[in-house]
Amino acid sequence: MTTKAQFLAAASVELSNPQYGKIAALYQAQDPRIVASIGAMAQMLEMYSVQQDLAETEVFIKARDATVLADATLKGILPLAKSAQVHALVTNLSSNPITLAYGRRLLDDNGRVWRVAATLVVAANGTATLLLNQNELRTISHTIANDDPFYTITLANNDEGLYLENIRIKDTIGSTDNLYAYAPEFMNVLNGARVYHLETDEARQVTIRLGAQDGASLVYGFQPPVNTVLTIELTETSGQLAIGTGASFSLEYSNNANEDALKIVSTGVNSLGSNPLSLPVLRLLSRYNALYDHDAVYLSDFDFLIRRYHGDSINFLAVWNEQVHEQVHGYSAANINRLFIAVQAKDALEQSNLVNAIHTLVQRADSSYKRAIVAVIPQAYPLTVSASVAAIHDSAQVSQQIKDTLLAIYGLGQIKVSQGLKNNFNRQEIYQTLKKAIPAFQDAVSDFSVSVGNLPDPVLPEHYFYLHPTTNFTVAVTQLSDAGGGLWN
């Protein structure tokens, strides 16, 4: 990469040419009118140089954010969220029964909308348990404007910053409501079936694509005729929330005085919800081949399948087959055609929900596999960094910088160490990271080394290796003496 300083140095050499006359003199005098424009151009050229360097590496790994997002688009990974769900105790202080219908809107202390998941009748002066989902509905009416095969409808983003959770599409021809089913890539779709496919781009804009019918030569599902009115119901949510028991809710509006007497307080959390996959998770998924889809049958990569839907909810995930299992755990007939899954959720409250969701995903992808959940074994990775720095540097400060830098990448819960069956502690990467991130290592005097201690024998697929701030992670920094070996000593 060519730096801004190098561009400025080249400009200074060029402007020393006498042919530039007055301009050269003004630059030598550091006139702001000349220096500012050249400095701005040098800064832009440095940024362009960075992009060039990244482009050279993208043959091997997706480096730029835009490329990662484009790869997610290619794989059909949609920016979908999951709503939080809680149980709430409803106390009716009035002398009349009160009905809370399905979809009734409530507000929490932060003004977020929650909807009743199932109709509930609360007896007079009684109590009942209510199930609430943190989402709301937005309805769009769209009229088919032309007779294009694979007609597209681009969804406008929510003005309140909510994430898309679900889409429901229907048309009304005659007096019948006709629902459209979601069919990724129009796979296994019968002729005339009302289906839709979802696409996204590098800006995470979601587009609905409908079917195509062109005589007998091209039939993918159903192509709505011109002027057909589609009703599109979008379920949108705030995503992952920090909510627990004791949170209070109130009705968004009251239909009568009796409803003002309701007291609603959360008593349990079913799910904390989740946001669309973050960029670090998408960067990890970009390393997989582009041919994976919603099923993992083709190349049997269930790690990708699970991370596609739960990547940001996972601290650690390893999926392996009977062959790998028997290399370290011994042989057993019970292992035949069995997948072994070790998973740790970021939030302990979500562990049970996560395991159940994984069972459902794998069953849907390939029902021939039996599944076994294996307990994760957390293991502090034994790493030692020894460094010597010039006397001008504060050794304690450098030591803390090293710890902070490595823990931010290899610490508990970081995406870098979330995969099993892989050596995620590549010493070459560690060297490059520290050289770039620690100012003290960028001079010609300082030096450092990285060594790995004893690992468990054998290393198991369920071992979750990560850097612990105090256990098995040692950083020793010493200051070099300023005294040299010259004659003046």
Protein backbone atom coordinates (compact mmCIF):
# COMPACT_ATOMS: atom_id res chain seq x y z
CA MET A 1 0.00 0.00 0.00
CA THR A 2 1.24 3.48 -0.85
CA THR A 3 0.73 5.82 2.10
CA LYS A 4 -0.31 9.45 2.18
CA ALA A 5 3.21 10.43 3.30
CA GLN A 6 4.70 8.72 0.24
CA PHE A 7 2.31 10.53 -2.09
CA LEU A 8 3.16 13.84 -0.41
CA ALA A 9 6.88 13.11 -0.72
CA ALA A 10 6.48 12.40 -4.42
CA ALA A 11 4.49 15.63 -4.84
CA SER A 12 7.20 17.58 -3.03
CA VAL A 13 9.88 16.22 -5.36
CA GLU A 14 7.77 17.04 -8.41
CA LEU A 15 7.06 20.60 -7.19
CA SER A 16 10.76 21.29 -6.66
CA ASN A 17 11.06 21.59 -10.43
CA PRO A 18 11.70 25.27 -11.30
CA GLN A 19 9.25 25.13 -14.19
CA TYR A 20 6.37 25.39 -11.71
CA GLY A 21 7.62 28.83 -10.68
CA LYS A 22 5.26 30.60 -8.28
CA ILE A 23 3.30 27.43 -7.43
CA ALA A 24 6.51 25.68 -6.35
CA ALA A 25 7.45 28.65 -4.18
CA LEU A 26 4.04 28.72 -2.53
CA TYR A 27 4.27 24.99 -1.81
CA GLN A 28 7.72 25.37 -0.28
CA ALA A 29 6.28 28.12 1.93
CA GLN A 30 3.43 25.72 2.91
CA ASP A 31 0.76 28.07 1.63
CA PRO A 32 -2.59 26.54 2.78
CA ARG A 33 -4.20 27.12 -0.63
CA ILE A 34 -1.67 24.75 -2.23
CA VAL A 35 -0.94 22.37 0.65
CA ALA A 36 -4.61 21.69 1.43
CA SER A 37 -5.52 20.58 -2.09
CA ILE A 38 -2.43 18.40 -2.49
CA GLY A 39 -2.97 16.89 0.97
CA ALA A 40 -6.59 16.07 0.14
CA MET A 41 -5.55 14.37 -3.10
CA ALA A 42 -2.82 12.39 -1.30
CA GLN A 43 -5.39 11.19 1.27
CA MET A 44 -7.80 10.05 -1.46
CA LEU A 45 -5.01 8.26 -3.29
CA GLU A 46 -4.05 6.43 -0.10
CA MET A 47 -7.64 5.25 0.34
CA TYR A 48 -7.68 4.07 -3.28
CA SER A 49 -4.38 2.28 -2.71
CA VAL A 50 -5.92 0.40 0.22
CA GLN A 51 -8.77 -0.75 -2.01
CA GLN A 52 -6.30 -1.95 -4.61
CA ASP A 53 -4.45 -4.04 -2.03
CA LEU A 54 -7.70 -5.55 -0.81
CA ALA A 55 -8.75 -6.37 -4.35
CA GLU A 56 -5.55 -8.38 -4.81
CA THR A 57 -6.42 -10.59 -1.82
CA GLU A 58 -10.07 -11.12 -2.74
CA VAL A 59 -9.15 -13.96 -5.04
CA PHE A 60 -8.49 -15.95 -1.87
CA ILE A 61 -10.74 -14.35 0.77
CA LYS A 62 -13.55 -11.80 0.79
CA ALA A 63 -11.99 -8.68 2.30
CA ARG A 64 -14.19 -5.68 1.56
CA ASP A 65 -17.58 -5.23 3.21
CA ALA A 66 -19.26 -4.72 -0.16
CA THR A 67 -17.81 -8.01 -1.45
CA VAL A 68 -18.96 -9.88 1.66
CA LEU A 69 -22.48 -8.50 1.23
CA ALA A 70 -22.44 -9.37 -2.47
CA ASP A 71 -21.44 -12.92 -1.57
CA ALA A 72 -24.34 -13.13 0.90
CA THR A 73 -26.60 -11.99 -1.93
CA LEU A 74 -25.26 -14.75 -4.17
CA LYS A 75 -25.96 -17.33 -1.47
CA GLY A 76 -29.46 -15.97 -0.89
CA ILE A 77 -28.81 -15.12 2.76
CA LEU A 78 -31.65 -12.79 3.67
CA PRO A 79 -31.47 -10.00 6.30
CA LEU A 80 -34.19 -11.50 8.45
CA ALA A 81 -34.59 -11.10 12.21
CA LYS A 82 -36.45 -13.06 14.87
CA SER A 83 -38.76 -11.44 17.40
CA ALA A 84 -38.45 -11.78 21.15
CA GLN A 85 -41.18 -13.70 22.96
CA VAL A 86 -42.17 -13.50 26.61
CA HIS A 87 -44.80 -14.82 29.00
CA ALA A 88 -46.65 -12.19 31.00
CA LEU A 89 -48.96 -12.38 33.98
CA VAL A 90 -52.20 -10.46 33.38
CA THR A 91 -54.10 -9.32 36.46
CA ASN A 92 -57.68 -8.14 35.97
CA LEU A 93 -58.63 -5.78 38.80
CA SER A 94 -62.11 -5.11 37.39
CA SER A 95 -65.34 -6.97 38.11
CA ASN A 96 -65.84 -7.94 34.44
CA PRO A 97 -64.00 -10.50 32.26
CA ILE A 98 -61.67 -8.98 29.66
CA THR A 99 -60.70 -10.47 26.31
CA LEU A 100 -57.30 -9.76 24.75
CA ALA A 101 -57.64 -10.81 21.10
CA TYR A 102 -54.91 -12.23 18.91
CA GLY A 103 -52.76 -9.42 17.49
CA ARG A 104 -53.75 -6.86 20.16
CA ARG A 105 -50.95 -4.32 20.49
CA LEU A 106 -49.20 -3.55 23.78
CA LEU A 107 -46.28 -1.27 24.59
CA ASP A 108 -43.35 -1.95 26.90
CA ASP A 109 -41.44 0.61 28.99
CA ASN A 110 -39.31 1.54 25.95
CA GLY A 111 -42.28 2.16 23.66
CA ARG A 112 -41.75 -1.02 21.61
CA VAL A 113 -44.82 -2.74 20.20
CA TRP A 114 -45.71 -6.25 21.39
CA ARG A 115 -48.57 -8.32 19.99
CA VAL A 116 -50.75 -10.93 21.66
CA ALA A 117 -49.78 -14.36 20.27
CA ALA A 118 -53.05 -16.12 21.20
CA THR A 119 -56.45 -14.82 22.29
CA LEU A 120 -56.83 -14.76 26.08
CA VAL A 121 -59.84 -14.26 28.32
CA VAL A 122 -59.03 -12.97 31.82
CA ALA A 123 -61.74 -13.65 34.38
CA ALA A 124 -63.13 -10.90 36.61
CA ASN A 125 -60.74 -10.22 39.50
CA GLY A 126 -58.57 -13.02 38.14
CA THR A 127 -55.20 -13.68 36.56
CA ALA A 128 -54.00 -15.45 33.42
CA THR A 129 -50.77 -16.00 31.49
CA LEU A 130 -50.33 -14.15 28.20
CA LEU A 131 -47.89 -14.92 25.37
CA LEU A 132 -46.42 -11.82 23.66
CA ASN A 133 -44.32 -11.41 20.52
CA GLN A 134 -42.29 -8.25 19.93
CA ASN A 135 -43.32 -7.48 16.38
CA GLU A 136 -45.81 -5.47 14.40
CA LEU A 137 -47.53 -5.72 11.04
CA ARG A 138 -47.10 -3.44 8.03
CA THR A 139 -49.46 -4.02 5.10
CA ILE A 140 -48.64 -3.04 1.51
CA SER A 141 -51.10 -3.13 -1.37
CA HIS A 142 -49.45 -3.62 -4.77
CA THR A 143 -51.12 -3.75 -8.18
CA ILE A 144 -49.40 -5.80 -10.89
CA ALA A 145 -48.43 -3.15 -13.44
CA ASN A 146 -47.19 -5.19 -16.42
CA ASP A 147 -47.01 -8.68 -17.85
CA ASP A 148 -43.35 -9.42 -17.10
CA PRO A 149 -42.27 -12.96 -16.23
CA PHE A 150 -40.64 -13.14 -12.78
CA TYR A 151 -42.27 -9.86 -11.81
CA THR A 152 -40.39 -8.10 -8.98
CA ILE A 153 -41.55 -5.97 -6.07
CA THR A 154 -38.90 -4.12 -4.06
CA LEU A 155 -39.82 -3.61 -0.41
CA ALA A 156 -39.23 -0.19 1.10
CA ASN A 157 -37.24 -0.21 4.33
CA ASN A 158 -39.07 0.41 7.59
CA ASP A 159 -38.97 4.06 8.63
CA GLU A 160 -38.60 3.11 12.29
CA GLY A 161 -35.53 0.94 11.76
CA LEU A 162 -37.32 -2.37 12.34
CA TYR A 163 -36.04 -5.60 10.80
CA LEU A 164 -38.06 -7.86 8.53
CA GLU A 165 -39.14 -11.14 10.16
CA ASN A 166 -41.77 -12.65 7.89
CA ILE A 167 -43.71 -12.00 4.67
CA ARG A 168 -47.24 -13.11 3.84
CA ILE A 169 -48.58 -12.54 0.31
CA LYS A 170 -52.08 -13.10 -1.00
CA ASP A 171 -54.34 -12.05 -3.84
CA THR A 172 -58.12 -12.02 -4.03
CA ILE A 173 -59.53 -13.29 -7.30
CA GLY A 174 -63.29 -13.54 -7.06
CA SER A 175 -64.18 -14.00 -3.42
CA THR A 176 -61.26 -16.28 -2.52
CA ASP A 177 -58.06 -15.28 -0.76
CA ASN A 178 -55.15 -17.08 -2.43
CA LEU A 179 -51.98 -17.35 -0.37
CA TYR A 180 -48.51 -17.50 -1.93
CA ALA A 181 -45.95 -19.94 -0.51
CA TYR A 182 -42.23 -19.18 -0.17
CA ALA A 183 -40.22 -21.29 -2.63
CA PRO A 184 -36.47 -20.52 -2.65
CA GLU A 185 -35.10 -20.46 -6.22
CA PHE A 186 -38.49 -21.84 -7.38
CA MET A 187 -37.28 -25.35 -6.57
CA ASN A 188 -39.84 -28.21 -6.72
CA VAL A 189 -42.65 -25.87 -7.76
CA LEU A 190 -45.72 -27.23 -9.53
CA ASN A 191 -47.11 -25.47 -12.59
CA GLY A 192 -49.62 -22.84 -11.55
CA ALA A 193 -48.68 -22.95 -7.86
CA ARG A 194 -48.74 -19.53 -6.20
CA VAL A 195 -45.20 -19.10 -4.93
CA TYR A 196 -42.64 -16.35 -4.49
CA HIS A 197 -38.89 -16.11 -4.09
CA LEU A 198 -36.96 -13.54 -2.03
CA GLU A 199 -33.77 -11.82 -3.13
CA THR A 200 -31.48 -9.24 -1.59
CA ASP A 201 -28.61 -7.08 -2.80
CA GLU A 202 -25.41 -5.72 -1.29
CA ALA A 203 -27.46 -2.89 0.26
CA ARG A 204 -29.64 -5.56 1.98
CA GLN A 205 -32.71 -4.39 0.07
CA VAL A 206 -35.27 -7.22 -0.10
CA THR A 207 -37.07 -7.93 -3.38
CA ILE A 208 -40.02 -10.26 -3.97
CA ARG A 209 -39.88 -12.21 -7.23
CA LEU A 210 -43.04 -13.88 -8.52
CA GLY A 211 -43.42 -16.79 -10.95
CA ALA A 212 -43.44 -16.92 -14.72
CA GLN A 213 -45.84 -18.38 -17.26
CA ASP A 214 -45.12 -18.08 -20.98
CA GLY A 215 -47.26 -20.62 -22.74
CA ALA A 216 -46.00 -24.17 -22.35
CA SER A 217 -42.33 -23.31 -22.79
CA LEU A 218 -41.72 -21.50 -19.52
CA VAL A 219 -43.67 -22.26 -16.39
CA TYR A 220 -42.38 -21.52 -12.90
CA GLY A 221 -45.32 -21.36 -10.54
CA PHE A 222 -47.92 -18.67 -11.15
CA GLN A 223 -47.64 -15.29 -12.88
CA PRO A 224 -50.38 -12.91 -11.65
CA PRO A 225 -52.29 -11.19 -14.45
CA VAL A 226 -52.01 -7.42 -14.96
CA ASN A 227 -54.09 -5.38 -12.47
CA THR A 228 -54.10 -8.19 -9.89
CA VAL A 229 -53.96 -6.60 -6.45
CA LEU A 230 -51.51 -8.26 -4.06
CA THR A 231 -51.75 -7.76 -0.31
CA ILE A 232 -48.28 -8.02 1.27
CA GLU A 233 -48.18 -8.32 5.06
CA LEU A 234 -44.75 -7.66 6.57
CA THR A 235 -43.99 -8.78 10.11
CA GLU A 236 -41.24 -6.52 11.49
CA THR A 237 -39.38 -6.56 14.77
CA SER A 238 -36.68 -4.77 16.76
CA GLY A 239 -34.66 -8.00 16.81
CA GLN A 240 -32.60 -9.01 19.82
CA LEU A 241 -33.65 -7.36 23.08
CA ALA A 242 -32.33 -7.19 26.61
CA ILE A 243 -35.51 -7.99 28.46
CA GLY A 244 -36.18 -10.08 31.55
CA THR A 245 -38.82 -10.82 34.12
CA GLY A 246 -40.56 -7.93 35.82
CA ALA A 247 -40.93 -5.78 32.69
CA SER A 248 -44.30 -4.06 32.56
CA PHE A 249 -46.62 -3.67 29.57
CA SER A 250 -49.64 -1.51 28.84
CA LEU A 251 -52.33 -1.60 26.16
CA GLU A 252 -51.61 0.75 23.26
CA TYR A 253 -55.19 1.92 23.57
CA SER A 254 -58.18 1.01 25.79
CA ASN A 255 -61.59 0.04 24.46
CA ASN A 256 -63.35 0.62 27.79
CA ALA A 257 -62.75 1.58 31.40
CA ASN A 258 -62.37 -2.05 32.48
CA GLU A 259 -59.21 -2.45 30.39
CA ASP A 260 -57.60 0.40 32.31
CA ALA A 261 -57.63 -1.91 35.33
CA LEU A 262 -55.30 -4.47 33.70
CA LYS A 263 -51.83 -5.02 35.14
CA ILE A 264 -49.40 -6.88 32.83
CA VAL A 265 -45.91 -7.96 33.93
CA SER A 266 -43.48 -10.39 32.24
CA THR A 267 -42.80 -13.59 34.15
CA GLY A 268 -40.58 -15.51 31.72
CA VAL A 269 -38.62 -15.18 28.51
CA ASN A 270 -39.09 -17.72 25.71
CA SER A 271 -36.71 -16.00 23.32
CA LEU A 272 -34.62 -12.83 23.33
CA GLY A 273 -34.93 -12.56 19.54
CA SER A 274 -32.12 -12.08 17.06
CA ASN A 275 -30.92 -9.48 14.53
CA PRO A 276 -30.07 -10.14 10.88
CA LEU A 277 -26.67 -11.78 10.50
CA SER A 278 -23.85 -9.38 11.29
CA LEU A 279 -21.00 -8.60 8.92
CA PRO A 280 -18.45 -10.77 10.83
CA VAL A 281 -20.74 -13.80 10.49
CA LEU A 282 -21.37 -13.05 6.80
CA ARG A 283 -17.60 -12.77 6.33
CA LEU A 284 -17.21 -16.25 7.83
CA LEU A 285 -19.98 -17.66 5.64
CA SER A 286 -18.36 -16.10 2.56
CA ARG A 287 -15.57 -18.69 2.86
CA TYR A 288 -17.97 -21.48 1.95
CA ASN A 289 -18.68 -22.51 -1.62
CA ALA A 290 -21.45 -20.62 -3.38
CA LEU A 291 -23.46 -23.77 -4.15
CA TYR A 292 -24.90 -24.32 -0.68
CA ASP A 293 -28.61 -23.69 -0.34
CA HIS A 294 -31.22 -24.15 2.38
CA ASP A 295 -30.48 -27.88 2.40
CA ALA A 296 -27.10 -29.24 3.43
CA VAL A 297 -27.44 -32.50 1.50
CA TYR A 298 -25.31 -31.56 -1.50
CA LEU A 299 -21.99 -31.21 0.28
CA SER A 300 -23.10 -32.21 3.78
CA ASP A 301 -21.97 -28.97 5.35
CA PHE A 302 -24.33 -28.55 8.26
CA ASP A 303 -22.07 -25.97 9.88
CA PHE A 304 -22.98 -23.51 7.12
CA LEU A 305 -26.67 -24.41 7.35
CA ILE A 306 -26.86 -23.73 11.09
CA ARG A 307 -24.81 -20.53 10.97
CA ARG A 308 -26.96 -19.24 8.12
CA TYR A 309 -29.89 -19.00 10.52
CA HIS A 310 -28.26 -18.66 13.96
CA GLY A 311 -24.76 -17.28 13.33
CA ASP A 312 -24.99 -14.35 15.74
CA SER A 313 -26.55 -16.46 18.52
CA ILE A 314 -23.62 -18.88 18.71
CA ASN A 315 -20.44 -18.73 20.78
CA PHE A 316 -19.23 -22.08 19.47
CA LEU A 317 -20.44 -24.64 16.95
CA ALA A 318 -18.93 -27.91 15.74
CA VAL A 319 -20.69 -30.54 13.64
CA TRP A 320 -18.94 -33.83 12.82
CA ASN A 321 -19.75 -37.33 11.61
CA GLU A 322 -19.18 -40.82 13.00
CA GLN A 323 -15.74 -41.18 11.39
CA VAL A 324 -14.34 -38.12 13.16
CA HIS A 325 -16.11 -39.05 16.38
CA GLU A 326 -14.66 -42.55 16.51
CA GLN A 327 -11.12 -41.31 15.98
CA VAL A 328 -11.18 -39.78 19.45
CA HIS A 329 -14.08 -41.44 21.29
CA GLY A 330 -13.87 -45.05 20.15
CA TYR A 331 -16.11 -47.24 18.05
CA SER A 332 -19.78 -47.98 18.64
CA ALA A 333 -22.61 -49.30 16.49
CA ALA A 334 -24.78 -46.47 17.88
CA ASN A 335 -22.63 -43.97 15.95
CA ILE A 336 -23.68 -45.24 12.52
CA ASN A 337 -25.27 -42.51 10.39
CA ARG A 338 -25.23 -40.05 13.28
CA LEU A 339 -24.32 -36.37 13.33
CA PHE A 340 -22.65 -35.02 16.45
CA ILE A 341 -23.32 -31.39 17.32
CA ALA A 342 -21.62 -29.29 20.00
CA VAL A 343 -23.09 -25.83 20.38
CA GLN A 344 -22.95 -23.05 22.95
CA ALA A 345 -25.38 -20.12 22.77
CA LYS A 346 -24.19 -16.60 23.53
CA ASP A 347 -26.98 -16.29 26.08
CA ALA A 348 -27.54 -19.25 28.40
CA LEU A 349 -31.29 -18.56 28.31
CA GLU A 350 -31.27 -19.32 24.58
CA GLN A 351 -29.40 -22.66 24.79
CA SER A 352 -32.50 -24.86 24.83
CA ASN A 353 -34.22 -22.90 22.04
CA LEU A 354 -31.05 -23.02 19.94
CA VAL A 355 -30.68 -26.79 20.31
CA ASN A 356 -34.32 -27.34 19.34
CA ALA A 357 -33.94 -25.06 16.31
CA ILE A 358 -30.83 -26.98 15.19
CA HIS A 359 -32.67 -30.29 15.45
CA THR A 360 -35.41 -28.86 13.23
CA LEU A 361 -32.94 -27.49 10.65
CA VAL A 362 -30.98 -30.72 10.31
CA GLN A 363 -34.14 -32.82 10.18
CA ARG A 364 -35.52 -30.63 7.40
CA ALA A 365 -32.25 -30.75 5.46
CA ASP A 366 -31.66 -34.52 5.71
CA SER A 367 -34.03 -36.67 7.73
CA SER A 368 -31.82 -39.76 7.33
CA TYR A 369 -29.35 -38.57 9.97
CA LYS A 370 -29.66 -39.30 13.65
CA ARG A 371 -28.47 -36.45 15.85
CA ALA A 372 -26.55 -36.30 19.13
CA ILE A 373 -25.89 -33.12 21.11
CA VAL A 374 -22.45 -33.20 22.72
CA ALA A 375 -21.54 -30.96 25.66
CA VAL A 376 -19.08 -28.22 24.75
CA ILE A 377 -15.74 -28.31 26.61
CA PRO A 378 -14.43 -24.73 27.06
CA GLN A 379 -10.63 -24.63 26.99
CA ALA A 380 -8.42 -21.59 27.60
CA TYR A 381 -5.88 -21.55 24.78
CA PRO A 382 -2.25 -21.61 26.04
CA LEU A 383 -0.61 -18.62 24.37
CA THR A 384 2.49 -16.68 25.37
CA VAL A 385 3.62 -13.41 23.80
CA SER A 386 7.14 -12.24 24.67
CA ALA A 387 8.17 -8.78 23.52
CA SER A 388 11.03 -6.35 23.86
CA VAL A 389 10.41 -2.68 23.08
CA ALA A 390 12.49 0.46 22.88
CA ALA A 391 12.91 2.41 26.11
CA ILE A 392 10.67 5.18 24.81
CA HIS A 393 7.66 2.86 25.11
CA ASP A 394 5.78 2.08 28.32
CA SER A 395 6.04 -1.71 28.75
CA ALA A 396 2.85 -1.93 30.85
CA GLN A 397 0.90 -0.01 28.21
CA VAL A 398 2.26 -2.19 25.40
CA SER A 399 1.36 -5.32 27.39
CA GLN A 400 -2.23 -4.12 27.80
CA GLN A 401 -2.44 -3.22 24.11
CA ILE A 402 -1.36 -6.75 23.18
CA LYS A 403 -3.98 -8.30 25.47
CA ASP A 404 -6.77 -6.03 24.27
CA THR A 405 -5.92 -6.63 20.61
CA LEU A 406 -5.85 -10.43 20.84
CA LEU A 407 -8.84 -10.76 23.19
CA ALA A 408 -10.94 -8.69 20.78
CA ILE A 409 -10.27 -11.31 18.09
CA TYR A 410 -9.73 -14.58 19.94
CA GLY A 411 -11.61 -13.98 23.20
CA LEU A 412 -14.72 -15.74 24.45
CA GLY A 413 -17.66 -15.23 22.09
CA GLN A 414 -15.61 -13.93 19.14
CA ILE A 415 -16.46 -15.23 15.68
CA LYS A 416 -12.82 -16.15 15.00
CA VAL A 417 -12.84 -18.97 17.60
CA SER A 418 -16.43 -20.12 17.11
CA GLN A 419 -15.60 -23.07 14.86
CA GLY A 420 -14.56 -26.51 15.96
CA LEU A 421 -12.27 -28.95 14.14
CA LYS A 422 -10.08 -26.06 12.97
CA ASN A 423 -6.91 -24.43 14.20
CA ASN A 424 -8.20 -20.88 14.50
CA PHE A 425 -5.03 -19.69 16.24
CA ASN A 426 -2.82 -19.18 13.22
CA ARG A 427 0.47 -17.75 14.45
CA GLN A 428 1.17 -16.01 11.16
CA GLU A 429 -2.13 -14.13 11.50
CA ILE A 430 -1.30 -13.28 15.12
CA TYR A 431 2.08 -11.86 14.09
CA GLN A 432 0.52 -9.76 11.33
CA THR A 433 -2.25 -8.52 13.62
CA LEU A 434 0.12 -7.43 16.38
CA LYS A 435 2.59 -5.85 13.95
CA LYS A 436 -0.21 -3.75 12.47
CA ALA A 437 -2.10 -2.90 15.67
CA ILE A 438 0.70 -2.17 18.18
CA PRO A 439 2.60 1.09 17.46
CA ALA A 440 5.60 -0.09 19.50
CA PHE A 441 6.20 -2.97 17.05
CA GLN A 442 6.46 -0.69 14.06
CA ASP A 443 9.98 0.57 14.69
CA ALA A 444 13.28 -1.11 13.81
CA VAL A 445 14.24 -1.82 17.44
CA SER A 446 11.30 -3.68 19.03
CA ASP A 447 10.71 -7.39 18.53
CA PHE A 448 8.29 -10.06 19.77
CA SER A 449 7.58 -13.78 19.56
CA VAL A 450 4.48 -15.95 19.97
CA SER A 451 4.50 -19.47 21.39
CA VAL A 452 1.79 -22.04 22.09
CA GLY A 453 1.79 -24.21 25.22
CA ASN A 454 0.58 -27.78 25.63
CA LEU A 455 -2.82 -28.60 24.17
CA PRO A 456 -5.07 -31.41 25.42
CA ASP A 457 -4.25 -34.83 24.01
CA PRO A 458 -6.31 -35.69 22.09
CA VAL A 459 -7.94 -32.48 20.87
CA LEU A 460 -11.66 -33.24 20.75
CA PRO A 461 -14.15 -31.82 18.23
CA GLU A 462 -16.14 -30.36 21.13
CA HIS A 463 -13.16 -28.45 22.54
CA TYR A 464 -13.91 -24.72 22.49
CA PHE A 465 -10.53 -22.98 22.43
CA TYR A 466 -10.45 -19.27 23.19
CA LEU A 467 -8.17 -16.75 24.88
CA HIS A 468 -8.94 -16.17 28.54
CA PRO A 469 -7.83 -12.83 30.04
CA THR A 470 -5.97 -14.46 32.93
CA THR A 471 -5.79 -18.23 32.34
CA ASN A 472 -3.08 -19.67 30.03
CA PHE A 473 -2.59 -16.27 28.39
CA THR A 474 0.74 -14.64 29.24
CA VAL A 475 2.19 -11.41 27.92
CA ALA A 476 5.72 -10.42 28.95
CA VAL A 477 7.12 -7.09 27.74
CA THR A 478 10.61 -5.81 28.57
CA GLN A 479 12.30 -2.51 27.73
CA LEU A 480 15.53 -2.50 25.78
CA SER A 481 18.41 -0.48 27.17
CA ASP A 482 19.36 2.72 25.38
CA ALA A 483 23.05 1.96 25.94
CA GLY A 484 24.74 0.91 22.74
CA GLY A 485 28.07 -0.73 22.00
CA GLY A 486 29.88 2.30 20.57
CA LEU A 487 33.22 3.85 21.65
CA TRP A 488 31.59 6.54 23.77
CA ASN A 489 30.51 3.87 26.31
